Amino acid sequence: MLDKHWSEELEKLLEQWELLYRQGFDQCAQQLFRNGTSEFLQLLQEQIDQHREENFEEARDQWLDEFDEGKDHTARDLRPNWPEKQLKVLDERIAVCRVAQRKVQPMRDDNDEVEDFKVGGTVPGNPDCTFIKLLGAGGFGQAWLAHNERMHKDVVFKFCSPRALTSLKNETELLARIDKLSNDERFKDAFVQMLATHIGGQPHYVTYEFIPGGNLRQYMKGRCLKPFEASEVILDLAEKVALIHALPDPIVHRDLKPENILVVRSAPFPPVLKIGDFGIGGVSFSATAADRKTTKDYAENFFCTQGYASVEQEHAPWRREPSDDVHALGVIWNELLTSKVRPRGGKEWMSQLEGMGMKDNQIKFLERLLDDNETPPCKNAAEMAVEIRRLFPDLRQQVQNDIKEIAARRMKGENYRDYIIPSKRPWPRPRRSAPS
């Protein structure tokens, strides 16, 4: 902790940095304050890095707001006095946003309309099914919960507009491939099951099993897990994703995020999870070099979610590599631990994890998963699962001990979720970047 004098000095230096930055000078800590101790300079540099990133986010948000109003600015239009190096970085981020935003289509227009359905109505072409409620609507179309009288269970109908038909077809092809290539029950336990398709005649839709527990983001409700609990959840997800990475022609999900991970059962811990929404997934390029779609065709239809996608994936929408799923799992892991999509504020997040009880080699592994400038430490999810087991050798035993503790608390009338650490801030929601 800094005393009052050094805290005031730090604040003054940051104000000085901000003033110089807006005039086109990007100073490092050593340039601003040559006489500080190494510890103070390190802290100052971390604060400078954080301020610089906040400036990028502010400029990006301004670009998004003005793009919605029909204005498409360059980095220099937004920040004419910024250093040339930073303008280049901002232009790269704007380019990614520009491609994504132009692909966010309204659900309806005069020539592209999704039929209005009503609660209690019959599903078109499926008289055994009655609509119960609308689950969601967006650029893809609509998702409805319905009850199948013949099967005596609830199911989900995903209706898509013609504009989103390519994505829906892609998802059905991938799920059919998974179903065809595997007679393993583990696949049914790992992925949301597709029950039927109706593509080719209006309305276009796919029927899925209904998962009643919501998604992982709703399950967490802005809370943080203990390190071994978060690691158990990620190990489970890595083992599930490893099933499709290990296929003869590996499949890459490309859009792993809490919204696409559904909760089958929330209690007791660990939760039972299934992975859904393969809309922008694909077979790994290395497995389809002879017959894959052209780069241009693929880029026209498939995107990614900023914050979870690797830099390579953001800059190359056609990219399909298992290591991109590994990166996304690392982001989710950090999110379970800290409630933040990406580490901010220099190395402070590492100190936070250390304070929660994580060991140095465990933190370093997570850092490598999140580092956009480093080669991914794992080529696929199977390698990631192996590494997690090595770094957390007693993981399953710790979870079992925690389950016993929770059971004891419930016997005393305590809430089973009391063991989850409250987060200091709500879950950040990524800026929209593309249809999911």
Protein backbone atom coordinates (compact mmCIF):
# COMPACT_ATOMS: atom_id res chain seq x y z
CA MET A 1 0.00 0.00 0.00
CA LEU A 2 1.22 3.51 -0.81
CA ASP A 3 1.28 6.19 1.83
CA LYS A 4 -0.56 9.47 1.28
CA HIS A 5 2.45 11.21 -0.31
CA TRP A 6 3.11 8.52 -2.91
CA SER A 7 -0.60 8.06 -3.63
CA GLU A 8 -0.88 11.77 -4.44
CA GLU A 9 2.31 11.54 -6.54
CA LEU A 10 0.86 8.62 -8.48
CA GLU A 11 -2.34 10.54 -9.17
CA LYS A 12 -0.42 13.58 -10.40
CA LEU A 13 1.73 11.47 -12.72
CA LEU A 14 -1.29 9.77 -14.21
CA GLU A 15 -2.92 13.14 -14.87
CA GLN A 16 0.32 14.25 -16.52
CA TRP A 17 0.40 11.08 -18.64
CA GLU A 18 -3.21 11.63 -19.73
CA LEU A 19 -2.47 15.22 -20.77
CA LEU A 20 0.59 14.19 -22.79
CA TYR A 21 -1.28 11.26 -24.33
CA ARG A 22 -4.02 13.53 -25.66
CA GLN A 23 -1.29 15.70 -27.20
CA GLY A 24 0.22 12.72 -29.05
CA PHE A 25 2.89 11.53 -26.59
CA ASP A 26 2.68 8.05 -25.07
CA GLN A 27 5.10 8.12 -22.15
CA CYS A 28 6.21 5.08 -20.15
CA ALA A 29 6.65 5.15 -16.36
CA GLN A 30 10.41 5.64 -16.58
CA GLN A 31 10.00 8.67 -18.85
CA LEU A 32 7.48 10.27 -16.51
CA PHE A 33 9.35 9.71 -13.27
CA ARG A 34 13.03 8.80 -13.39
CA ASN A 35 13.69 8.88 -9.64
CA GLY A 36 11.07 6.37 -8.44
CA THR A 37 11.80 3.00 -6.91
CA SER A 38 11.37 -0.08 -9.09
CA GLU A 39 8.21 -1.05 -7.17
CA PHE A 40 6.67 2.40 -7.65
CA LEU A 41 7.58 2.48 -11.35
CA GLN A 42 6.04 -0.95 -11.84
CA LEU A 43 2.82 0.20 -10.19
CA LEU A 44 2.82 3.38 -12.26
CA GLN A 45 3.33 1.41 -15.49
CA GLU A 46 0.43 -0.90 -14.62
CA GLN A 47 -1.80 2.12 -14.05
CA ILE A 48 -0.66 3.66 -17.35
CA ASP A 49 -1.47 0.42 -19.19
CA GLN A 50 -4.90 0.36 -17.59
CA HIS A 51 -5.59 4.00 -18.51
CA ARG A 52 -4.47 3.35 -22.09
CA GLU A 53 -6.83 0.38 -22.38
CA GLU A 54 -9.70 2.42 -20.93
CA ASN A 55 -9.01 5.07 -23.59
CA PHE A 56 -9.25 2.39 -26.28
CA GLU A 57 -12.55 1.12 -24.89
CA GLU A 58 -13.96 4.65 -24.65
CA ALA A 59 -13.00 5.36 -28.28
CA ARG A 60 -14.43 2.03 -29.45
CA ASP A 61 -17.73 2.65 -27.62
CA GLN A 62 -17.93 6.11 -29.20
CA TRP A 63 -17.37 4.56 -32.63
CA LEU A 64 -20.14 2.00 -31.99
CA ASP A 65 -22.60 4.68 -30.86
CA GLU A 66 -21.93 6.86 -33.88
CA PHE A 67 -21.97 3.88 -36.25
CA ASP A 68 -25.52 3.20 -35.04
CA GLU A 69 -26.32 6.77 -36.18
CA GLY A 70 -24.93 6.11 -39.65
CA LYS A 71 -21.41 7.55 -39.15
CA ASP A 72 -18.37 5.43 -39.93
CA HIS A 73 -15.29 7.16 -38.50
CA THR A 74 -11.61 6.28 -38.69
CA ALA A 75 -9.38 6.27 -35.64
CA ARG A 76 -7.96 9.67 -36.61
CA ASP A 77 -11.48 11.11 -36.90
CA LEU A 78 -12.17 10.06 -33.31
CA ARG A 79 -8.79 10.83 -31.75
CA PRO A 80 -6.84 13.21 -34.03
CA ASN A 81 -4.15 13.90 -31.43
CA TRP A 82 -3.37 10.32 -30.44
CA PRO A 83 0.12 8.87 -31.10
CA GLU A 84 0.45 7.15 -34.48
CA LYS A 85 1.11 3.76 -32.90
CA GLN A 86 -2.10 3.92 -30.85
CA LEU A 87 -4.12 5.12 -33.87
CA LYS A 88 -3.02 2.01 -35.73
CA VAL A 89 -4.20 -0.24 -32.87
CA LEU A 90 -7.52 1.63 -32.66
CA ASP A 91 -8.01 1.32 -36.44
CA GLU A 92 -7.52 -2.45 -36.13
CA ARG A 93 -10.17 -2.65 -33.41
CA ILE A 94 -12.55 -0.48 -35.41
CA ALA A 95 -12.06 -2.73 -38.44
CA VAL A 96 -13.16 -5.76 -36.42
CA CYS A 97 -16.20 -3.89 -35.08
CA ARG A 98 -17.09 -2.59 -38.54
CA VAL A 99 -17.21 -6.07 -40.08
CA ALA A 100 -19.26 -7.40 -37.16
CA GLN A 101 -21.71 -4.50 -36.97
CA ARG A 102 -22.51 -4.64 -40.67
CA LYS A 103 -23.52 -8.26 -40.18
CA VAL A 104 -25.98 -7.52 -37.37
CA GLN A 105 -29.21 -7.55 -39.31
CA PRO A 106 -32.64 -6.67 -37.93
CA MET A 107 -34.86 -9.65 -37.43
CA ARG A 108 -37.41 -8.24 -39.84
CA ASP A 109 -37.77 -5.95 -42.77
CA ASP A 110 -40.26 -5.67 -45.61
CA ASN A 111 -38.77 -8.60 -47.53
CA ASP A 112 -37.53 -10.72 -44.63
CA GLU A 113 -40.20 -11.44 -42.09
CA VAL A 114 -40.49 -14.06 -39.39
CA GLU A 115 -44.03 -15.15 -38.69
CA ASP A 116 -45.62 -13.96 -35.45
CA PHE A 117 -46.43 -16.89 -33.19
CA LYS A 118 -48.69 -16.81 -30.15
CA VAL A 119 -48.73 -18.56 -26.79
CA GLY A 120 -51.16 -21.46 -27.03
CA GLY A 121 -50.85 -21.66 -30.81
CA THR A 122 -49.83 -24.77 -32.73
CA VAL A 123 -46.34 -25.06 -34.20
CA PRO A 124 -46.59 -24.87 -38.04
CA GLY A 125 -46.26 -28.33 -39.53
CA ASN A 126 -46.18 -29.91 -36.07
CA PRO A 127 -49.73 -30.22 -34.68
CA ASP A 128 -48.58 -32.17 -31.61
CA CYS A 129 -46.67 -29.13 -30.31
CA THR A 130 -48.16 -26.07 -28.62
CA PHE A 131 -46.29 -22.82 -27.93
CA ILE A 132 -45.69 -22.09 -24.23
CA LYS A 133 -43.53 -18.96 -24.27
CA LEU A 134 -41.02 -16.96 -26.30
CA LEU A 135 -37.48 -17.65 -25.04
CA GLY A 136 -35.65 -15.10 -27.17
CA ALA A 137 -35.57 -13.13 -30.41
CA GLY A 138 -32.87 -11.41 -32.42
CA GLY A 139 -31.06 -11.33 -35.75
CA PHE A 140 -31.33 -15.12 -36.04
CA GLY A 141 -35.14 -15.17 -35.63
CA GLN A 142 -37.03 -16.55 -32.61
CA ALA A 143 -36.64 -19.34 -30.05
CA TRP A 144 -39.83 -20.76 -28.54
CA LEU A 145 -40.55 -23.22 -25.76
CA ALA A 146 -43.30 -25.64 -26.76
CA HIS A 147 -44.93 -28.73 -25.32
CA ASN A 148 -45.03 -31.92 -27.35
CA GLU A 149 -48.24 -33.76 -26.44
CA ARG A 150 -47.19 -36.99 -28.13
CA MET A 151 -43.77 -37.15 -26.43
CA HIS A 152 -45.14 -35.67 -23.15
CA LYS A 153 -42.22 -33.25 -22.78
CA ASP A 154 -41.17 -29.69 -23.49
CA VAL A 155 -38.94 -28.91 -26.47
CA VAL A 156 -37.36 -25.82 -28.02
CA PHE A 157 -38.09 -24.59 -31.55
CA LYS A 158 -35.50 -22.31 -33.10
CA PHE A 159 -37.07 -20.43 -36.02
CA CYS A 160 -34.73 -18.52 -38.28
CA SER A 161 -35.20 -15.75 -40.78
CA PRO A 162 -33.95 -16.37 -44.35
CA ARG A 163 -30.95 -14.15 -43.58
CA ALA A 164 -29.85 -16.52 -40.80
CA LEU A 165 -30.55 -19.70 -42.74
CA THR A 166 -26.88 -20.31 -43.58
CA SER A 167 -25.96 -20.34 -39.91
CA LEU A 168 -28.84 -22.69 -39.03
CA LYS A 169 -27.92 -25.09 -41.83
CA ASN A 170 -24.33 -25.05 -40.65
CA GLU A 171 -25.41 -25.92 -37.11
CA THR A 172 -27.62 -28.82 -38.22
CA GLU A 173 -24.82 -30.21 -40.42
CA LEU A 174 -22.34 -30.14 -37.53
CA LEU A 175 -24.78 -31.72 -35.05
CA ALA A 176 -25.65 -34.40 -37.60
CA ARG A 177 -21.94 -35.08 -38.09
CA ILE A 178 -21.45 -35.43 -34.33
CA ASP A 179 -24.44 -37.79 -34.08
CA LYS A 180 -23.27 -39.88 -37.03
CA LEU A 181 -19.65 -40.22 -35.95
CA SER A 182 -20.32 -41.10 -32.34
CA ASN A 183 -22.29 -43.85 -30.65
CA ASP A 184 -20.77 -42.73 -27.38
CA GLU A 185 -23.20 -41.68 -24.65
CA ARG A 186 -20.70 -39.02 -23.61
CA PHE A 187 -21.70 -36.96 -26.67
CA LYS A 188 -25.36 -36.96 -25.61
CA ASP A 189 -24.32 -35.82 -22.14
CA ALA A 190 -22.01 -33.12 -23.50
CA PHE A 191 -24.06 -31.36 -26.20
CA VAL A 192 -27.62 -30.12 -26.57
CA GLN A 193 -29.45 -32.70 -28.67
CA MET A 194 -31.07 -31.82 -31.99
CA LEU A 195 -34.41 -33.66 -32.26
CA ALA A 196 -35.72 -32.65 -35.72
CA THR A 197 -35.20 -30.18 -38.56
CA HIS A 198 -37.54 -28.35 -40.93
CA ILE A 199 -35.34 -26.57 -43.44
CA GLY A 200 -36.38 -25.95 -47.01
CA GLY A 201 -39.93 -24.78 -46.46
CA GLN A 202 -41.31 -21.85 -44.51
CA PRO A 203 -40.89 -21.45 -41.64
CA HIS A 204 -37.33 -22.76 -41.22
CA TYR A 205 -36.74 -24.26 -37.79
CA VAL A 206 -34.84 -26.84 -35.79
CA THR A 207 -36.15 -28.64 -32.70
CA TYR A 208 -33.86 -29.14 -29.70
CA GLU A 209 -34.20 -30.74 -26.29
CA PHE A 210 -35.21 -28.27 -23.60
CA ILE A 211 -32.61 -27.55 -20.90
CA PRO A 212 -34.55 -26.06 -17.95
CA GLY A 213 -31.70 -24.63 -15.87
CA GLY A 214 -30.86 -21.58 -17.98
CA ASN A 215 -27.28 -20.81 -19.02
CA LEU A 216 -24.00 -20.55 -17.14
CA ARG A 217 -24.15 -16.76 -16.87
CA GLN A 218 -27.59 -16.93 -15.26
CA TYR A 219 -26.35 -19.68 -12.94
CA MET A 220 -23.45 -17.56 -11.67
CA LYS A 221 -25.54 -14.42 -11.11
CA GLY A 222 -22.47 -12.19 -10.81
CA ARG A 223 -20.67 -14.43 -8.30
CA CYS A 224 -17.19 -15.94 -8.25
CA LEU A 225 -16.24 -19.55 -7.62
CA LYS A 226 -13.38 -20.76 -5.49
CA PRO A 227 -10.33 -21.69 -7.60
CA PHE A 228 -10.77 -25.46 -7.39
CA GLU A 229 -14.51 -25.16 -8.08
CA ALA A 230 -13.99 -22.95 -11.15
CA SER A 231 -11.27 -25.33 -12.31
CA GLU A 232 -13.61 -28.32 -11.92
CA VAL A 233 -16.21 -26.61 -14.12
CA ILE A 234 -13.59 -25.77 -16.77
CA LEU A 235 -12.13 -29.28 -16.65
CA ASP A 236 -15.63 -30.66 -17.28
CA LEU A 237 -16.13 -28.27 -20.22
CA ALA A 238 -12.67 -29.02 -21.64
CA GLU A 239 -13.39 -32.76 -21.53
CA LYS A 240 -16.68 -32.19 -23.37
CA VAL A 241 -15.10 -29.99 -26.06
CA ALA A 242 -12.27 -32.53 -26.37
CA LEU A 243 -14.82 -35.02 -27.74
CA ILE A 244 -15.35 -32.95 -30.90
CA HIS A 245 -11.70 -31.94 -31.17
CA ALA A 246 -10.79 -35.65 -31.18
CA LEU A 247 -13.09 -36.61 -34.09
CA PRO A 248 -11.40 -37.85 -37.32
CA ASP A 249 -12.26 -34.43 -38.78
CA PRO A 250 -12.06 -32.17 -35.69
CA ILE A 251 -15.00 -29.83 -35.12
CA VAL A 252 -14.40 -26.36 -33.67
CA HIS A 253 -17.26 -24.66 -31.79
CA ARG A 254 -15.87 -21.10 -32.32
CA ASP A 255 -18.40 -19.41 -30.01
CA LEU A 256 -17.89 -20.79 -26.51
CA LYS A 257 -19.27 -18.37 -23.91
CA PRO A 258 -21.51 -18.60 -20.81
CA GLU A 259 -24.67 -17.95 -22.87
CA ASN A 260 -24.00 -21.06 -24.98
CA ILE A 261 -23.36 -23.34 -22.00
CA LEU A 262 -26.65 -24.61 -20.56
CA VAL A 263 -27.28 -25.90 -17.05
CA VAL A 264 -29.02 -29.28 -16.88
CA ARG A 265 -28.85 -29.43 -13.08
CA SER A 266 -27.53 -26.69 -10.83
CA ALA A 267 -27.32 -28.47 -7.47
CA PRO A 268 -25.48 -30.03 -5.84
CA PHE A 269 -22.14 -28.73 -7.07
CA PRO A 270 -20.64 -29.24 -9.63
CA PRO A 271 -23.42 -28.26 -12.05
CA VAL A 272 -24.28 -30.58 -14.93
CA LEU A 273 -23.65 -28.67 -18.16
CA LYS A 274 -24.32 -29.07 -21.88
CA ILE A 275 -22.85 -27.08 -24.75
CA GLY A 276 -25.13 -25.63 -27.41
CA ASP A 277 -25.30 -23.26 -30.40
CA PHE A 278 -22.92 -24.50 -33.10
CA GLY A 279 -24.19 -21.82 -35.50
CA ILE A 280 -20.75 -20.45 -36.38
CA GLY A 281 -18.79 -23.64 -35.74
CA GLY A 282 -17.01 -25.65 -38.38
CA VAL A 283 -14.69 -28.50 -39.23
CA SER A 284 -11.06 -27.62 -38.64
CA PHE A 285 -9.38 -26.23 -41.76
CA SER A 286 -6.55 -28.74 -41.45
CA ALA A 287 -9.14 -31.53 -41.87
CA THR A 288 -10.95 -30.04 -44.88
CA ALA A 289 -8.23 -28.55 -47.06
CA ALA A 290 -9.62 -30.23 -50.17
CA ASP A 291 -13.30 -29.38 -49.97
CA ARG A 292 -13.79 -26.48 -47.54
CA LYS A 293 -15.69 -23.37 -48.57
CA THR A 294 -13.64 -20.50 -49.86
CA THR A 295 -12.32 -18.03 -47.33
CA LYS A 296 -14.53 -15.30 -48.74
CA ASP A 297 -17.73 -17.36 -48.56
CA TYR A 298 -17.06 -18.44 -44.99
CA ALA A 299 -16.17 -14.92 -43.84
CA GLU A 300 -19.42 -13.59 -45.29
CA ASN A 301 -21.52 -15.75 -42.96
CA PHE A 302 -19.66 -16.55 -39.74
CA PHE A 303 -18.30 -14.30 -37.01
CA CYS A 304 -17.29 -14.44 -33.38
CA THR A 305 -18.01 -12.87 -30.01
CA GLN A 306 -15.52 -10.21 -28.99
CA GLY A 307 -13.96 -10.86 -25.62
CA TYR A 308 -14.06 -14.65 -26.01
CA ALA A 309 -12.50 -14.98 -29.45
CA SER A 310 -8.73 -15.00 -29.90
CA VAL A 311 -7.12 -12.11 -31.78
CA GLU A 312 -6.45 -14.45 -34.71
CA GLN A 313 -10.11 -15.42 -34.86
CA GLU A 314 -11.29 -11.80 -34.68
CA HIS A 315 -8.99 -10.78 -37.53
CA ALA A 316 -9.81 -13.87 -39.62
CA PRO A 317 -13.55 -14.68 -39.39
CA TRP A 318 -12.99 -17.82 -41.50
CA ARG A 319 -10.46 -19.27 -39.03
CA ARG A 320 -11.37 -22.67 -37.52
CA GLU A 321 -8.69 -23.96 -35.16
CA PRO A 322 -9.21 -26.02 -31.94
CA SER A 323 -6.84 -23.65 -30.12
CA ASP A 324 -9.50 -20.91 -30.48
CA ASP A 325 -11.88 -22.98 -28.34
CA VAL A 326 -9.08 -23.41 -25.81
CA HIS A 327 -8.65 -19.62 -25.64
CA ALA A 328 -12.40 -19.15 -25.08
CA LEU A 329 -12.37 -21.73 -22.27
CA GLY A 330 -9.54 -19.76 -20.65
CA VAL A 331 -11.65 -16.58 -20.80
CA ILE A 332 -14.60 -18.41 -19.20
CA TRP A 333 -12.28 -19.82 -16.52
CA ASN A 334 -11.09 -16.34 -15.60
CA GLU A 335 -14.70 -15.15 -15.65
CA LEU A 336 -15.75 -17.84 -13.16
CA LEU A 337 -12.91 -16.78 -10.87
CA THR A 338 -13.14 -12.99 -11.09
CA SER A 339 -16.46 -12.20 -12.84
CA LYS A 340 -14.47 -10.34 -15.53
CA VAL A 341 -14.25 -11.33 -19.19
CA ARG A 342 -10.63 -10.23 -19.53
CA PRO A 343 -7.94 -9.34 -16.97
CA ARG A 344 -7.55 -5.59 -16.61
CA GLY A 345 -5.18 -3.44 -14.58
CA GLY A 346 -1.79 -4.96 -15.34
CA LYS A 347 -0.92 -7.87 -13.04
CA GLU A 348 -3.41 -7.02 -10.29
CA TRP A 349 -5.72 -9.86 -11.35
CA MET A 350 -2.88 -12.33 -10.75
CA SER A 351 -2.46 -11.03 -7.20
CA GLN A 352 -6.21 -11.44 -6.72
CA LEU A 353 -6.04 -15.10 -7.77
CA GLU A 354 -3.02 -15.67 -5.55
CA GLY A 355 -5.00 -14.23 -2.65
CA MET A 356 -7.79 -16.72 -3.45
CA GLY A 357 -5.34 -19.60 -3.01
CA MET A 358 -4.19 -20.37 -6.56
CA LYS A 359 -0.58 -21.46 -6.95
CA ASP A 360 1.90 -19.64 -9.17
CA ASN A 361 2.07 -22.37 -11.85
CA GLN A 362 -1.74 -22.48 -12.03
CA ILE A 363 -1.96 -18.71 -12.47
CA LYS A 364 0.79 -18.75 -15.11
CA PHE A 365 -1.12 -21.38 -17.10
CA LEU A 366 -4.27 -19.25 -17.07
CA GLU A 367 -2.21 -16.20 -18.06
CA ARG A 368 -0.83 -18.07 -21.09
CA LEU A 369 -4.34 -19.10 -22.12
CA LEU A 370 -5.40 -15.45 -22.12
CA ASP A 371 -2.27 -13.92 -23.65
CA ASP A 372 -3.02 -12.82 -27.22
CA ASN A 373 0.68 -12.34 -27.94
CA GLU A 374 1.78 -15.86 -26.99
CA THR A 375 1.41 -19.20 -28.75
CA PRO A 376 -1.47 -21.09 -27.11
CA PRO A 377 -0.16 -23.51 -24.47
CA CYS A 378 -2.56 -26.22 -25.70
CA LYS A 379 -3.43 -27.15 -29.27
CA ASN A 380 -6.82 -28.56 -28.35
CA ALA A 381 -9.18 -29.11 -25.43
CA ALA A 382 -7.81 -32.61 -24.67
CA GLU A 383 -4.36 -31.15 -24.00
CA MET A 384 -5.97 -28.46 -21.83
CA ALA A 385 -7.81 -31.08 -19.75
CA VAL A 386 -4.60 -33.03 -19.22
CA GLU A 387 -2.78 -29.89 -18.07
CA ILE A 388 -5.56 -28.92 -15.66
CA ARG A 389 -5.44 -32.39 -14.10
CA ARG A 390 -1.67 -32.07 -13.72
CA LEU A 391 -1.89 -28.61 -12.13
CA PHE A 392 -4.79 -29.58 -9.86
CA PRO A 393 -3.98 -33.19 -8.87
CA ASP A 394 -6.47 -33.25 -5.97
CA LEU A 395 -9.21 -31.38 -7.82
CA ARG A 396 -11.91 -34.04 -7.74
CA GLN A 397 -11.21 -34.84 -4.08
CA GLN A 398 -11.50 -31.16 -3.17
CA VAL A 399 -14.85 -30.99 -4.95
CA GLN A 400 -16.08 -34.09 -3.11
CA ASN A 401 -15.04 -32.55 0.21
CA ASP A 402 -16.89 -29.37 -0.74
CA ILE A 403 -20.01 -31.36 -1.59
CA LYS A 404 -19.93 -32.94 1.87
CA GLU A 405 -19.54 -29.48 3.42
CA ILE A 406 -22.49 -28.16 1.42
CA ALA A 407 -24.60 -31.16 2.46
CA ALA A 408 -23.76 -30.46 6.11
CA ARG A 409 -24.74 -26.80 5.68
CA ARG A 410 -28.02 -27.73 4.06
CA MET A 411 -28.79 -30.01 6.99
CA LYS A 412 -28.44 -26.89 9.14
CA GLY A 413 -30.82 -24.99 6.86
CA GLU A 414 -28.18 -22.92 5.04
CA ASN A 415 -28.38 -22.13 1.32
CA TYR A 416 -26.19 -24.45 -0.79
CA ARG A 417 -24.90 -21.42 -2.75
CA ASP A 418 -23.45 -19.77 0.35
CA TYR A 419 -20.04 -21.18 -0.52
CA ILE A 420 -19.85 -19.09 -3.70
CA ILE A 421 -17.84 -15.91 -3.28
CA PRO A 422 -19.86 -12.73 -4.11
CA SER A 423 -18.38 -10.66 -6.91
CA LYS A 424 -17.56 -7.00 -6.44
CA ARG A 425 -19.26 -6.09 -9.71
CA PRO A 426 -21.90 -7.63 -11.97
CA TRP A 427 -20.97 -9.74 -14.97
CA PRO A 428 -19.81 -7.50 -17.80
CA ARG A 429 -21.75 -8.11 -20.97
CA PRO A 430 -19.64 -7.93 -24.17
CA ARG A 431 -20.60 -5.36 -26.74
CA ARG A 432 -22.65 -6.96 -29.51
CA SER A 433 -20.41 -7.97 -32.36
CA ALA A 434 -22.28 -10.56 -34.39
CA PRO A 435 -25.28 -12.84 -34.32
CA SER A 436 -24.80 -15.80 -32.01
